[in-house]
Amino acid sequence: MGDKLVVAEPADKTGPQQVQRIWKIIVVGNMSTGKTSIIERYCDGNFIENHGSTTGIDFKKKTINYENKTIVLNIWDTAGTEKYQSLIKLYYRGAMGLFIVYDVTNLNSLNNLDTWMKNIDDFAPSNAVRILIGNKCDLESDRKISTEEGKLVAKHFGIPFFELSSKNNINVDDSFLKMISMINEMEYKITIKNDFVILEDQLMLCDNKNPSKSKCNC
């Protein structure tokens, strides 16, 4: 069976306590690529046809259950205009995951991906999960960027790729599930690495082969 993702229910005070995580996810890309619509579809299940442009930074929260963890997703919606870029760069800090969005009907939004990726390289954590999104795949007659082109760009950057439609609710949940599973795996690897460092430090403190160098009382 695949990964299971559900919206978290209120905690049962009589039951076992679940592990809680707070993950920061940022959605970036050119203006009018549909970033806000993607977030609203995922968080609220809604689609608004004519959405106003995001000014600066907006924010939505969604709480889910995933692998016996309660995870609070703080999803940041960013403006795509150049004048807000200095503000947006401040919000890259501490990001666990980033969606980079282009519009399949707008070639310029794909051409600007290099700029968005450079900003992420410069300002986001190096281990933050990145996923490329080709949005508005329902507008097939207006398409300027093929699915294969999107896959090639994602391969170039070495990141996963989804085409989706927030209007028709195509691949929205799947793209977020992929993000969540990758962040979960990344977090697990960090935990294992930290545990290994602690264990290695304990072994160094208790050096049975060289008792004179040992710092423990065993």
N, C-alpha and C. Protein backbone atom coordinates (compact mmCIF):
# COMPACT_ATOMS: atom_id res chain seq x y z
N MET A 1 0.84 -1.19 0.00
CA MET A 1 0.00 0.00 0.00
C MET A 1 0.87 1.24 0.00
N GLY A 2 0.35 2.34 -0.58
CA GLY A 2 1.12 3.58 -0.64
C GLY A 2 1.02 4.35 0.65
N ASP A 3 1.69 5.50 0.65
CA ASP A 3 1.63 6.36 1.83
C ASP A 3 0.21 6.84 2.04
N LYS A 4 -0.16 6.99 3.28
CA LYS A 4 -1.49 7.45 3.62
C LYS A 4 -1.39 8.80 4.30
N LEU A 5 -2.18 9.75 3.84
CA LEU A 5 -2.15 11.10 4.35
C LEU A 5 -3.56 11.53 4.67
N VAL A 6 -3.81 11.92 5.90
CA VAL A 6 -5.15 12.34 6.29
C VAL A 6 -5.06 13.61 7.11
N VAL A 7 -6.16 14.37 7.10
CA VAL A 7 -6.21 15.55 7.95
C VAL A 7 -6.32 15.12 9.39
N ALA A 8 -5.54 15.76 10.25
CA ALA A 8 -5.49 15.35 11.65
C ALA A 8 -6.78 15.69 12.37
N GLU A 9 -7.23 14.77 13.19
CA GLU A 9 -8.37 15.01 14.06
C GLU A 9 -7.87 15.57 15.39
N PRO A 10 -8.74 16.22 16.18
CA PRO A 10 -8.32 16.69 17.49
C PRO A 10 -7.76 15.56 18.33
N ALA A 11 -6.72 15.84 19.09
CA ALA A 11 -6.04 14.81 19.87
C ALA A 11 -6.95 14.22 20.93
N ASP A 12 -6.88 12.92 21.11
CA ASP A 12 -7.60 12.23 22.17
C ASP A 12 -6.76 12.29 23.43
N LYS A 13 -7.22 13.02 24.42
CA LYS A 13 -6.43 13.23 25.63
C LYS A 13 -6.20 11.93 26.40
N THR A 14 -7.08 10.93 26.14
CA THR A 14 -6.92 9.68 26.87
C THR A 14 -6.00 8.71 26.14
N GLY A 15 -5.75 8.96 24.86
CA GLY A 15 -4.92 8.08 24.06
C GLY A 15 -3.47 8.48 24.10
N PRO A 16 -2.60 7.72 23.39
CA PRO A 16 -1.17 8.03 23.36
C PRO A 16 -0.91 9.33 22.63
N GLN A 17 0.09 10.07 23.06
CA GLN A 17 0.46 11.33 22.45
C GLN A 17 1.20 11.09 21.14
N GLN A 18 0.79 11.76 20.07
CA GLN A 18 1.49 11.66 18.81
C GLN A 18 2.66 12.65 18.76
N VAL A 19 3.67 12.26 17.99
CA VAL A 19 4.78 13.17 17.75
C VAL A 19 4.29 14.30 16.85
N GLN A 20 4.61 15.54 17.20
CA GLN A 20 4.18 16.67 16.38
C GLN A 20 5.37 17.34 15.73
N ARG A 21 5.21 17.71 14.47
CA ARG A 21 6.23 18.41 13.71
C ARG A 21 5.61 19.67 13.12
N ILE A 22 6.43 20.69 12.94
CA ILE A 22 6.02 21.89 12.23
C ILE A 22 6.97 22.06 11.06
N TRP A 23 6.42 21.99 9.85
CA TRP A 23 7.23 22.06 8.64
C TRP A 23 6.87 23.30 7.84
N LYS A 24 7.88 24.02 7.44
CA LYS A 24 7.72 25.23 6.63
C LYS A 24 7.90 24.90 5.15
N ILE A 25 6.86 25.16 4.37
CA ILE A 25 6.89 24.91 2.93
C ILE A 25 6.64 26.23 2.20
N ILE A 26 7.44 26.53 1.20
CA ILE A 26 7.32 27.77 0.46
C ILE A 26 6.99 27.47 -1.00
N VAL A 27 6.07 28.25 -1.55
CA VAL A 27 5.68 28.10 -2.96
C VAL A 27 6.14 29.35 -3.71
N VAL A 28 7.03 29.16 -4.70
CA VAL A 28 7.58 30.29 -5.44
C VAL A 28 7.36 30.11 -6.94
N GLY A 29 7.53 31.19 -7.68
CA GLY A 29 7.37 31.16 -9.13
C GLY A 29 6.87 32.50 -9.62
N ASN A 30 6.85 32.67 -10.92
CA ASN A 30 6.42 33.93 -11.52
C ASN A 30 5.00 34.31 -11.13
N MET A 31 4.68 35.57 -11.30
CA MET A 31 3.33 36.05 -11.08
C MET A 31 2.35 35.36 -12.03
N SER A 32 1.17 35.06 -11.54
CA SER A 32 0.07 34.48 -12.31
C SER A 32 0.32 33.04 -12.76
N THR A 33 1.20 32.33 -12.07
CA THR A 33 1.39 30.91 -12.36
C THR A 33 0.39 30.03 -11.61
N GLY A 34 -0.38 30.64 -10.69
CA GLY A 34 -1.42 29.89 -9.98
C GLY A 34 -0.98 29.35 -8.64
N LYS A 35 0.02 29.97 -8.02
CA LYS A 35 0.53 29.48 -6.73
C LYS A 35 -0.55 29.52 -5.65
N THR A 36 -1.26 30.64 -5.58
CA THR A 36 -2.31 30.78 -4.56
C THR A 36 -3.41 29.75 -4.75
N SER A 37 -3.79 29.51 -5.99
CA SER A 37 -4.85 28.53 -6.28
C SER A 37 -4.45 27.13 -5.86
N ILE A 38 -3.19 26.79 -6.06
CA ILE A 38 -2.70 25.47 -5.65
C ILE A 38 -2.84 25.31 -4.14
N ILE A 39 -2.40 26.33 -3.41
CA ILE A 39 -2.45 26.27 -1.94
C ILE A 39 -3.88 26.21 -1.45
N GLU A 40 -4.77 27.01 -2.03
CA GLU A 40 -6.17 27.01 -1.59
C GLU A 40 -6.85 25.68 -1.91
N ARG A 41 -6.53 25.11 -3.06
CA ARG A 41 -7.11 23.81 -3.40
C ARG A 41 -6.67 22.76 -2.39
N TYR A 42 -5.39 22.76 -2.04
CA TYR A 42 -4.88 21.75 -1.11
C TYR A 42 -5.40 21.97 0.31
N CYS A 43 -5.39 23.21 0.77
CA CYS A 43 -5.76 23.49 2.17
C CYS A 43 -7.27 23.51 2.39
N ASP A 44 -8.01 24.09 1.45
CA ASP A 44 -9.44 24.32 1.66
C ASP A 44 -10.33 23.57 0.68
N GLY A 45 -9.74 22.97 -0.36
CA GLY A 45 -10.55 22.27 -1.35
C GLY A 45 -11.32 23.19 -2.28
N ASN A 46 -10.88 24.47 -2.35
CA ASN A 46 -11.59 25.46 -3.16
C ASN A 46 -10.78 25.87 -4.38
N PHE A 47 -11.48 26.38 -5.39
CA PHE A 47 -10.82 27.00 -6.54
C PHE A 47 -11.55 28.29 -6.89
N ILE A 48 -10.79 29.39 -6.94
CA ILE A 48 -11.34 30.69 -7.31
C ILE A 48 -10.81 31.05 -8.69
N GLU A 49 -11.70 31.27 -9.64
CA GLU A 49 -11.32 31.47 -11.03
C GLU A 49 -10.40 32.67 -11.22
N ASN A 50 -10.81 33.83 -10.71
CA ASN A 50 -10.03 35.05 -10.90
C ASN A 50 -9.47 35.51 -9.55
N HIS A 51 -8.29 35.03 -9.26
CA HIS A 51 -7.65 35.33 -7.97
C HIS A 51 -6.76 36.55 -8.13
N GLY A 52 -6.85 37.48 -7.19
CA GLY A 52 -5.98 38.66 -7.21
C GLY A 52 -4.54 38.27 -6.96
N SER A 53 -3.60 39.10 -7.39
CA SER A 53 -2.18 38.82 -7.21
C SER A 53 -1.81 38.91 -5.73
N THR A 54 -0.94 38.00 -5.30
CA THR A 54 -0.45 38.02 -3.92
C THR A 54 0.47 39.22 -3.72
N THR A 55 0.26 39.94 -2.62
CA THR A 55 1.10 41.09 -2.28
C THR A 55 2.08 40.68 -1.19
N GLY A 56 3.35 40.60 -1.56
CA GLY A 56 4.36 40.22 -0.57
C GLY A 56 4.30 38.74 -0.23
N ILE A 57 3.85 38.44 1.00
CA ILE A 57 3.81 37.06 1.49
C ILE A 57 2.44 36.78 2.09
N ASP A 58 1.88 35.62 1.78
CA ASP A 58 0.65 35.16 2.41
C ASP A 58 0.94 33.81 3.05
N PHE A 59 -0.01 33.31 3.85
CA PHE A 59 0.30 32.16 4.68
C PHE A 59 -0.95 31.35 4.93
N LYS A 60 -0.82 30.02 4.80
CA LYS A 60 -1.91 29.12 5.19
C LYS A 60 -1.33 27.96 5.99
N LYS A 61 -2.18 27.40 6.84
CA LYS A 61 -1.75 26.31 7.71
C LYS A 61 -2.67 25.11 7.51
N LYS A 62 -2.07 23.92 7.50
CA LYS A 62 -2.86 22.69 7.43
C LYS A 62 -2.21 21.65 8.33
N THR A 63 -3.03 20.97 9.11
CA THR A 63 -2.54 19.94 10.02
C THR A 63 -2.95 18.57 9.48
N ILE A 64 -1.98 17.66 9.40
CA ILE A 64 -2.21 16.34 8.84
C ILE A 64 -1.65 15.27 9.78
N ASN A 65 -2.07 14.03 9.55
CA ASN A 65 -1.45 12.87 10.19
C ASN A 65 -0.66 12.11 9.14
N TYR A 66 0.58 11.80 9.46
CA TYR A 66 1.42 11.05 8.52
C TYR A 66 2.38 10.17 9.33
N GLU A 67 2.28 8.86 9.12
CA GLU A 67 3.14 7.89 9.80
C GLU A 67 3.22 8.14 11.31
N ASN A 68 2.04 8.20 11.92
CA ASN A 68 1.93 8.37 13.38
C ASN A 68 2.51 9.68 13.89
N LYS A 69 2.59 10.68 13.01
CA LYS A 69 3.03 11.99 13.43
C LYS A 69 1.93 13.00 13.10
N THR A 70 1.72 13.95 13.98
CA THR A 70 0.89 15.10 13.67
C THR A 70 1.81 16.18 13.11
N ILE A 71 1.55 16.56 11.87
CA ILE A 71 2.43 17.52 11.19
C ILE A 71 1.63 18.78 10.86
N VAL A 72 2.14 19.91 11.31
CA VAL A 72 1.56 21.21 10.97
C VAL A 72 2.34 21.76 9.78
N LEU A 73 1.66 21.90 8.66
CA LEU A 73 2.29 22.47 7.47
C LEU A 73 2.02 23.97 7.45
N ASN A 74 3.08 24.75 7.56
CA ASN A 74 2.99 26.19 7.37
C ASN A 74 3.37 26.48 5.92
N ILE A 75 2.40 26.80 5.09
CA ILE A 75 2.61 26.93 3.65
C ILE A 75 2.61 28.41 3.29
N TRP A 76 3.74 28.88 2.81
CA TRP A 76 3.94 30.30 2.50
C TRP A 76 3.73 30.54 1.01
N ASP A 77 2.84 31.47 0.71
CA ASP A 77 2.51 31.86 -0.66
C ASP A 77 3.26 33.16 -0.96
N THR A 78 4.08 33.17 -2.01
CA THR A 78 4.92 34.33 -2.28
C THR A 78 4.47 35.06 -3.54
N ALA A 79 4.75 36.37 -3.57
CA ALA A 79 4.46 37.18 -4.75
C ALA A 79 5.48 36.87 -5.84
N GLY A 80 5.04 36.91 -7.09
CA GLY A 80 5.95 36.60 -8.19
C GLY A 80 6.61 37.81 -8.82
N THR A 81 6.29 39.00 -8.33
CA THR A 81 6.84 40.21 -8.92
C THR A 81 8.22 40.53 -8.34
N GLU A 82 9.04 41.17 -9.14
CA GLU A 82 10.43 41.42 -8.78
C GLU A 82 10.56 42.32 -7.55
N LYS A 83 9.66 43.27 -7.38
CA LYS A 83 9.81 44.24 -6.29
C LYS A 83 9.70 43.61 -4.90
N TYR A 84 9.15 42.40 -4.82
CA TYR A 84 9.02 41.73 -3.53
C TYR A 84 10.11 40.70 -3.26
N GLN A 85 11.06 40.55 -4.19
CA GLN A 85 12.04 39.48 -4.07
C GLN A 85 12.93 39.62 -2.84
N SER A 86 13.32 40.84 -2.50
CA SER A 86 14.17 41.02 -1.31
C SER A 86 13.44 40.59 -0.05
N LEU A 87 12.13 40.80 0.00
CA LEU A 87 11.32 40.36 1.14
C LEU A 87 11.20 38.85 1.17
N ILE A 88 10.94 38.25 0.01
CA ILE A 88 10.74 36.81 -0.07
C ILE A 88 11.99 36.04 0.37
N LYS A 89 13.16 36.57 0.00
CA LYS A 89 14.41 35.89 0.32
C LYS A 89 14.56 35.67 1.83
N LEU A 90 14.00 36.56 2.63
CA LEU A 90 14.08 36.41 4.09
C LEU A 90 13.31 35.19 4.57
N TYR A 91 12.28 34.79 3.81
CA TYR A 91 11.42 33.70 4.24
C TYR A 91 11.94 32.33 3.82
N TYR A 92 12.98 32.30 2.98
CA TYR A 92 13.57 31.02 2.62
C TYR A 92 14.20 30.34 3.83
N ARG A 93 14.64 31.13 4.79
CA ARG A 93 15.34 30.59 5.95
C ARG A 93 14.43 29.62 6.72
N GLY A 94 14.95 28.44 7.00
CA GLY A 94 14.19 27.45 7.77
C GLY A 94 13.19 26.65 6.97
N ALA A 95 13.18 26.84 5.65
CA ALA A 95 12.23 26.09 4.81
C ALA A 95 12.61 24.62 4.75
N MET A 96 11.62 23.74 4.93
CA MET A 96 11.84 22.31 4.79
C MET A 96 11.60 21.85 3.35
N GLY A 97 10.74 22.58 2.64
CA GLY A 97 10.44 22.21 1.26
C GLY A 97 10.03 23.41 0.44
N LEU A 98 10.27 23.32 -0.87
CA LEU A 98 9.91 24.40 -1.79
C LEU A 98 9.28 23.83 -3.05
N PHE A 99 8.13 24.37 -3.42
CA PHE A 99 7.54 24.12 -4.72
C PHE A 99 7.93 25.26 -5.64
N ILE A 100 8.49 24.93 -6.81
CA ILE A 100 8.82 25.93 -7.81
C ILE A 100 7.82 25.77 -8.94
N VAL A 101 6.99 26.81 -9.17
CA VAL A 101 5.83 26.68 -10.04
C VAL A 101 6.02 27.48 -11.32
N TYR A 102 5.70 26.85 -12.46
CA TYR A 102 5.57 27.58 -13.72
C TYR A 102 4.21 27.27 -14.33
N ASP A 103 3.84 28.07 -15.31
CA ASP A 103 2.55 27.94 -15.99
C ASP A 103 2.79 27.31 -17.36
N VAL A 104 2.15 26.19 -17.63
CA VAL A 104 2.41 25.48 -18.90
C VAL A 104 1.96 26.29 -20.12
N THR A 105 1.19 27.37 -19.91
CA THR A 105 0.76 28.21 -21.02
C THR A 105 1.62 29.46 -21.18
N ASN A 106 2.66 29.59 -20.35
CA ASN A 106 3.49 30.80 -20.35
C ASN A 106 4.96 30.41 -20.38
N LEU A 107 5.57 30.53 -21.55
CA LEU A 107 6.97 30.11 -21.71
C LEU A 107 7.91 30.93 -20.84
N ASN A 108 7.61 32.19 -20.62
CA ASN A 108 8.47 33.04 -19.81
C ASN A 108 8.57 32.54 -18.37
N SER A 109 7.49 31.95 -17.87
CA SER A 109 7.52 31.44 -16.48
C SER A 109 8.47 30.27 -16.34
N LEU A 110 8.68 29.52 -17.44
CA LEU A 110 9.65 28.43 -17.43
C LEU A 110 11.07 28.97 -17.58
N ASN A 111 11.22 29.98 -18.42
CA ASN A 111 12.55 30.56 -18.65
C ASN A 111 13.13 31.20 -17.40
N ASN A 112 12.27 31.63 -16.48
CA ASN A 112 12.74 32.29 -15.25
C ASN A 112 13.09 31.32 -14.14
N LEU A 113 12.98 30.01 -14.38
CA LEU A 113 13.26 29.04 -13.33
C LEU A 113 14.70 29.12 -12.84
N ASP A 114 15.63 29.44 -13.74
CA ASP A 114 17.03 29.57 -13.31
C ASP A 114 17.18 30.60 -12.20
N THR A 115 16.45 31.71 -12.33
CA THR A 115 16.52 32.76 -11.31
C THR A 115 15.96 32.27 -9.98
N TRP A 116 14.82 31.58 -10.05
CA TRP A 116 14.22 31.06 -8.82
C TRP A 116 15.13 30.02 -8.16
N MET A 117 15.71 29.15 -8.95
CA MET A 117 16.59 28.13 -8.39
C MET A 117 17.85 28.74 -7.79
N LYS A 118 18.38 29.81 -8.41
CA LYS A 118 19.56 30.48 -7.86
C LYS A 118 19.22 31.11 -6.51
N ASN A 119 18.05 31.73 -6.40
CA ASN A 119 17.64 32.31 -5.12
C ASN A 119 17.52 31.23 -4.04
N ILE A 120 16.97 30.09 -4.43
CA ILE A 120 16.84 28.99 -3.47
C ILE A 120 18.23 28.49 -3.04
N ASP A 121 19.13 28.36 -4.01
CA ASP A 121 20.50 27.94 -3.68
C ASP A 121 21.17 28.93 -2.72
N ASP A 122 20.91 30.20 -2.93
CA ASP A 122 21.58 31.25 -2.15
C ASP A 122 20.99 31.44 -0.76
N PHE A 123 19.66 31.22 -0.63
CA PHE A 123 19.00 31.64 0.61
C PHE A 123 18.28 30.54 1.37
N ALA A 124 17.96 29.41 0.72
CA ALA A 124 17.25 28.33 1.41
C ALA A 124 18.25 27.32 1.97
N PRO A 125 17.85 26.53 2.97
CA PRO A 125 18.73 25.47 3.47
C PRO A 125 19.12 24.51 2.34
N SER A 126 20.34 24.05 2.34
CA SER A 126 20.84 23.21 1.25
C SER A 126 20.10 21.88 1.14
N ASN A 127 19.55 21.39 2.26
CA ASN A 127 18.86 20.09 2.23
C ASN A 127 17.35 20.22 2.07
N ALA A 128 16.85 21.42 1.82
CA ALA A 128 15.41 21.60 1.63
C ALA A 128 14.94 20.83 0.40
N VAL A 129 13.80 20.16 0.51
CA VAL A 129 13.23 19.39 -0.59
C VAL A 129 12.68 20.36 -1.64
N ARG A 130 12.94 20.06 -2.91
CA ARG A 130 12.47 20.91 -4.01
C ARG A 130 11.66 20.06 -4.99
N ILE A 131 10.53 20.60 -5.42
CA ILE A 131 9.69 19.92 -6.41
C ILE A 131 9.26 20.94 -7.46
N LEU A 132 9.38 20.56 -8.73
CA LEU A 132 8.97 21.42 -9.83
C LEU A 132 7.52 21.13 -10.20
N ILE A 133 6.75 22.21 -10.36
CA ILE A 133 5.33 22.10 -10.68
C ILE A 133 5.03 22.82 -12.00
N GLY A 134 4.43 22.10 -12.95
CA GLY A 134 3.88 22.72 -14.15
C GLY A 134 2.38 22.86 -13.96
N ASN A 135 1.92 24.07 -13.70
CA ASN A 135 0.51 24.28 -13.35
C ASN A 135 -0.34 24.61 -14.58
N LYS A 136 -1.65 24.47 -14.41
CA LYS A 136 -2.68 24.78 -15.42
C LYS A 136 -2.67 23.77 -16.58
N CYS A 137 -2.44 22.50 -16.27
CA CYS A 137 -2.42 21.49 -17.33
C CYS A 137 -3.80 21.24 -17.91
N ASP A 138 -4.85 21.81 -17.31
CA ASP A 138 -6.19 21.69 -17.88
C ASP A 138 -6.35 22.56 -19.13
N LEU A 139 -5.47 23.58 -19.30
CA LEU A 139 -5.57 24.48 -20.46
C LEU A 139 -4.76 23.92 -21.63
N GLU A 140 -5.15 22.74 -22.06
CA GLU A 140 -4.38 22.01 -23.07
C GLU A 140 -4.28 22.77 -24.39
N SER A 141 -5.34 23.45 -24.78
CA SER A 141 -5.33 24.16 -26.07
C SER A 141 -4.42 25.38 -26.05
N ASP A 142 -4.09 25.88 -24.86
CA ASP A 142 -3.22 27.05 -24.73
C ASP A 142 -1.79 26.67 -24.34
N ARG A 143 -1.52 25.40 -24.28
CA ARG A 143 -0.23 24.93 -23.79
C ARG A 143 0.92 25.41 -24.68
N LYS A 144 1.98 25.91 -24.01
CA LYS A 144 3.21 26.33 -24.71
C LYS A 144 4.40 25.45 -24.32
N ILE A 145 4.25 24.71 -23.22
CA ILE A 145 5.35 23.90 -22.69
C ILE A 145 4.86 22.47 -22.55
N SER A 146 5.50 21.55 -23.24
CA SER A 146 5.07 20.16 -23.21
C SER A 146 5.45 19.49 -21.89
N THR A 147 4.78 18.39 -21.62
CA THR A 147 5.11 17.61 -20.41
C THR A 147 6.55 17.13 -20.47
N GLU A 148 7.00 16.72 -21.65
CA GLU A 148 8.38 16.24 -21.79
C GLU A 148 9.39 17.33 -21.50
N GLU A 149 9.10 18.57 -21.92
CA GLU A 149 9.99 19.69 -21.61
C GLU A 149 10.08 19.90 -20.10
N GLY A 150 8.94 19.83 -19.43
CA GLY A 150 8.94 19.97 -17.98
C GLY A 150 9.77 18.89 -17.30
N LYS A 151 9.64 17.65 -17.79
CA LYS A 151 10.42 16.54 -17.23
C LYS A 151 11.92 16.75 -17.43
N LEU A 152 12.29 17.28 -18.60
CA LEU A 152 13.71 17.52 -18.88
C LEU A 152 14.28 18.60 -17.97
N VAL A 153 13.50 19.64 -17.72
CA VAL A 153 13.95 20.71 -16.82
C VAL A 153 14.12 20.16 -15.40
N ALA A 154 13.15 19.36 -14.94
CA ALA A 154 13.24 18.76 -13.61
C ALA A 154 14.46 17.84 -13.52
N LYS A 155 14.71 17.09 -14.57
CA LYS A 155 15.89 16.20 -14.60
C LYS A 155 17.16 17.01 -14.53
N HIS A 156 17.20 18.15 -15.23
CA HIS A 156 18.36 19.04 -15.19
C HIS A 156 18.67 19.49 -13.76
N PHE A 157 17.62 19.83 -13.02
CA PHE A 157 17.80 20.29 -11.64
C PHE A 157 17.87 19.13 -10.64
N GLY A 158 17.55 17.92 -11.10
CA GLY A 158 17.61 16.76 -10.22
C GLY A 158 16.51 16.73 -9.18
N ILE A 159 15.30 17.15 -9.56
CA ILE A 159 14.19 17.21 -8.61
C ILE A 159 12.95 16.56 -9.21
N PRO A 160 11.98 16.14 -8.36
CA PRO A 160 10.73 15.55 -8.87
C PRO A 160 9.90 16.58 -9.63
N PHE A 161 8.98 16.08 -10.45
CA PHE A 161 8.16 16.94 -11.30
C PHE A 161 6.72 16.46 -11.33
N PHE A 162 5.80 17.43 -11.25
CA PHE A 162 4.38 17.14 -11.40
C PHE A 162 3.77 18.19 -12.31
N GLU A 163 2.87 17.76 -13.20
CA GLU A 163 1.96 18.69 -13.85
C GLU A 163 0.64 18.59 -13.10
N LEU A 164 0.04 19.75 -12.82
CA LEU A 164 -1.21 19.70 -12.06
C LEU A 164 -2.17 20.80 -12.51
N SER A 165 -3.38 20.66 -12.05
CA SER A 165 -4.41 21.65 -12.28
C SER A 165 -5.16 21.87 -10.97
N SER A 166 -5.05 23.08 -10.44
CA SER A 166 -5.81 23.37 -9.22
C SER A 166 -7.30 23.52 -9.54
N LYS A 167 -7.62 23.90 -10.79
CA LYS A 167 -9.02 24.04 -11.19
C LYS A 167 -9.72 22.69 -11.21
N ASN A 168 -9.08 21.70 -11.83
CA ASN A 168 -9.67 20.36 -11.94
C ASN A 168 -9.18 19.39 -10.87
N ASN A 169 -8.40 19.91 -9.94
CA ASN A 169 -7.87 19.12 -8.83
C ASN A 169 -7.09 17.90 -9.33
N ILE A 170 -6.15 18.16 -10.24
CA ILE A 170 -5.30 17.10 -10.80
C ILE A 170 -3.92 17.17 -10.15
N ASN A 171 -3.53 16.12 -9.46
CA ASN A 171 -2.19 15.96 -8.89
C ASN A 171 -1.84 16.94 -7.77
N VAL A 172 -2.82 17.70 -7.27
CA VAL A 172 -2.52 18.64 -6.18
C VAL A 172 -2.15 17.86 -4.92
N ASP A 173 -3.02 16.95 -4.50
CA ASP A 173 -2.73 16.15 -3.30
C ASP A 173 -1.49 15.29 -3.49
N ASP A 174 -1.33 14.73 -4.69
CA ASP A 174 -0.16 13.86 -4.94
C ASP A 174 1.15 14.62 -4.82
N SER A 175 1.18 15.86 -5.30
CA SER A 175 2.41 16.64 -5.22
C SER A 175 2.75 16.98 -3.78
N PHE A 176 1.74 17.29 -2.97
CA PHE A 176 1.99 17.58 -1.55
C PHE A 176 2.38 16.31 -0.80
N LEU A 177 1.77 15.19 -1.15
CA LEU A 177 2.13 13.94 -0.50
C LEU A 177 3.59 13.59 -0.80
N LYS A 178 4.02 13.82 -2.02
CA LYS A 178 5.43 13.58 -2.38
C LYS A 178 6.34 14.49 -1.56
N MET A 179 5.97 15.75 -1.44
CA MET A 179 6.76 16.68 -0.64
C MET A 179 6.85 16.21 0.81
N ILE A 180 5.73 15.81 1.37
CA ILE A 180 5.68 15.40 2.77
C ILE A 180 6.52 14.14 2.98
N SER A 181 6.41 13.17 2.08
CA SER A 181 7.17 11.93 2.24
C SER A 181 8.67 12.20 2.13
N MET A 182 9.07 13.12 1.24
CA MET A 182 10.50 13.43 1.09
C MET A 182 11.04 14.20 2.29
N ILE A 183 10.25 15.12 2.83
CA ILE A 183 10.68 15.83 4.04
C ILE A 183 10.79 14.86 5.21
N ASN A 184 9.82 13.95 5.30
CA ASN A 184 9.85 12.95 6.37
C ASN A 184 11.10 12.10 6.29
N GLU A 185 11.47 11.69 5.08
CA GLU A 185 12.67 10.89 4.88
C GLU A 185 13.93 11.69 5.23
N MET A 186 13.95 12.96 4.81
CA MET A 186 15.08 13.82 5.12
C MET A 186 15.23 14.00 6.63
N GLU A 187 14.11 14.21 7.31
CA GLU A 187 14.14 14.39 8.76
C GLU A 187 14.63 13.13 9.46
N TYR A 188 14.22 11.97 8.94
CA TYR A 188 14.65 10.69 9.51
C TYR A 188 16.16 10.52 9.37
N LYS A 189 16.69 10.86 8.19
CA LYS A 189 18.13 10.73 7.97
C LYS A 189 18.92 11.66 8.88
N ILE A 190 18.40 12.86 9.10
CA ILE A 190 19.07 13.80 10.01
C ILE A 190 19.08 13.25 11.42
N THR A 191 17.95 12.63 11.84
CA THR A 191 17.87 12.04 13.18
C THR A 191 18.88 10.91 13.34
N ILE A 192 18.95 10.04 12.33
CA ILE A 192 19.91 8.92 12.36
C ILE A 192 21.33 9.45 12.44
N LYS A 193 21.62 10.47 11.64
CA LYS A 193 22.97 11.04 11.63
C LYS A 193 23.32 11.63 12.99
N ASN A 194 22.37 12.35 13.59
CA ASN A 194 22.61 12.95 14.90
C ASN A 194 22.80 11.89 15.98
N ASP A 195 21.98 10.82 15.90
CA ASP A 195 22.12 9.72 16.86
C ASP A 195 23.48 9.05 16.72
N PHE A 196 23.96 8.91 15.48
CA PHE A 196 25.26 8.28 15.25
C PHE A 196 26.37 9.14 15.84
N VAL A 197 26.27 10.45 15.68
CA VAL A 197 27.29 11.35 16.23
C VAL A 197 27.33 11.23 17.74
N ILE A 198 26.15 11.16 18.38
CA ILE A 198 26.10 11.02 19.83
C ILE A 198 26.71 9.69 20.26
N LEU A 199 26.34 8.60 19.54
CA LEU A 199 26.87 7.28 19.86
C LEU A 199 28.38 7.24 19.68
N GLU A 200 28.85 7.82 18.57
CA GLU A 200 30.29 7.84 18.30
C GLU A 200 31.03 8.60 19.40
N ASP A 201 30.42 9.69 19.87
CA ASP A 201 31.04 10.48 20.93
C ASP A 201 31.10 9.67 22.22
N GLN A 202 30.04 8.90 22.50
CA GLN A 202 30.02 8.06 23.70
C GLN A 202 31.08 6.97 23.62
N LEU A 203 31.27 6.38 22.42
CA LEU A 203 32.29 5.35 22.25
C LEU A 203 33.69 5.91 22.45
N MET A 204 33.90 7.15 22.02
CA MET A 204 35.20 7.79 22.20
C MET A 204 35.48 8.07 23.67
N LEU A 205 34.40 8.40 24.41
CA LEU A 205 34.56 8.68 25.83
C LEU A 205 34.87 7.40 26.61
N CYS A 206 34.36 6.26 26.10
CA CYS A 206 34.58 4.98 26.77
C CYS A 206 35.43 4.10 25.86
N ASP A 207 36.74 4.29 25.87
CA ASP A 207 37.67 3.58 25.01
C ASP A 207 38.28 2.42 25.79
N ASN A 208 37.66 1.21 25.65
CA ASN A 208 38.12 0.04 26.41
C ASN A 208 39.49 -0.45 25.95
N LYS A 209 39.87 -0.16 24.71
CA LYS A 209 41.16 -0.61 24.21
C LYS A 209 42.31 0.24 24.77
N ASN A 210 41.97 1.44 25.15
CA ASN A 210 42.98 2.34 25.73
C ASN A 210 42.44 2.92 27.02
N PRO A 211 42.44 2.12 28.10
CA PRO A 211 41.85 2.55 29.36
C PRO A 211 42.39 3.87 29.86
N SER A 212 43.66 4.13 29.57
CA SER A 212 44.27 5.36 30.06
C SER A 212 43.65 6.59 29.43
N LYS A 213 43.06 6.39 28.17
CA LYS A 213 42.45 7.52 27.46
C LYS A 213 40.96 7.60 27.71
N SER A 214 40.41 6.56 28.35
CA SER A 214 38.99 6.53 28.57
C SER A 214 38.55 7.59 29.57
N LYS A 215 37.40 8.23 29.29
CA LYS A 215 36.89 9.26 30.19
C LYS A 215 35.68 8.78 30.96
N CYS A 216 35.37 7.47 30.87
CA CYS A 216 34.20 6.98 31.59
C CYS A 216 34.66 6.18 32.81
N ASN A 217 33.71 5.78 33.64
CA ASN A 217 34.01 5.06 34.88
C ASN A 217 33.67 3.57 34.78
N CYS A 218 33.54 3.04 33.54
CA CYS A 218 33.14 1.64 33.41
C CYS A 218 34.34 0.71 33.61
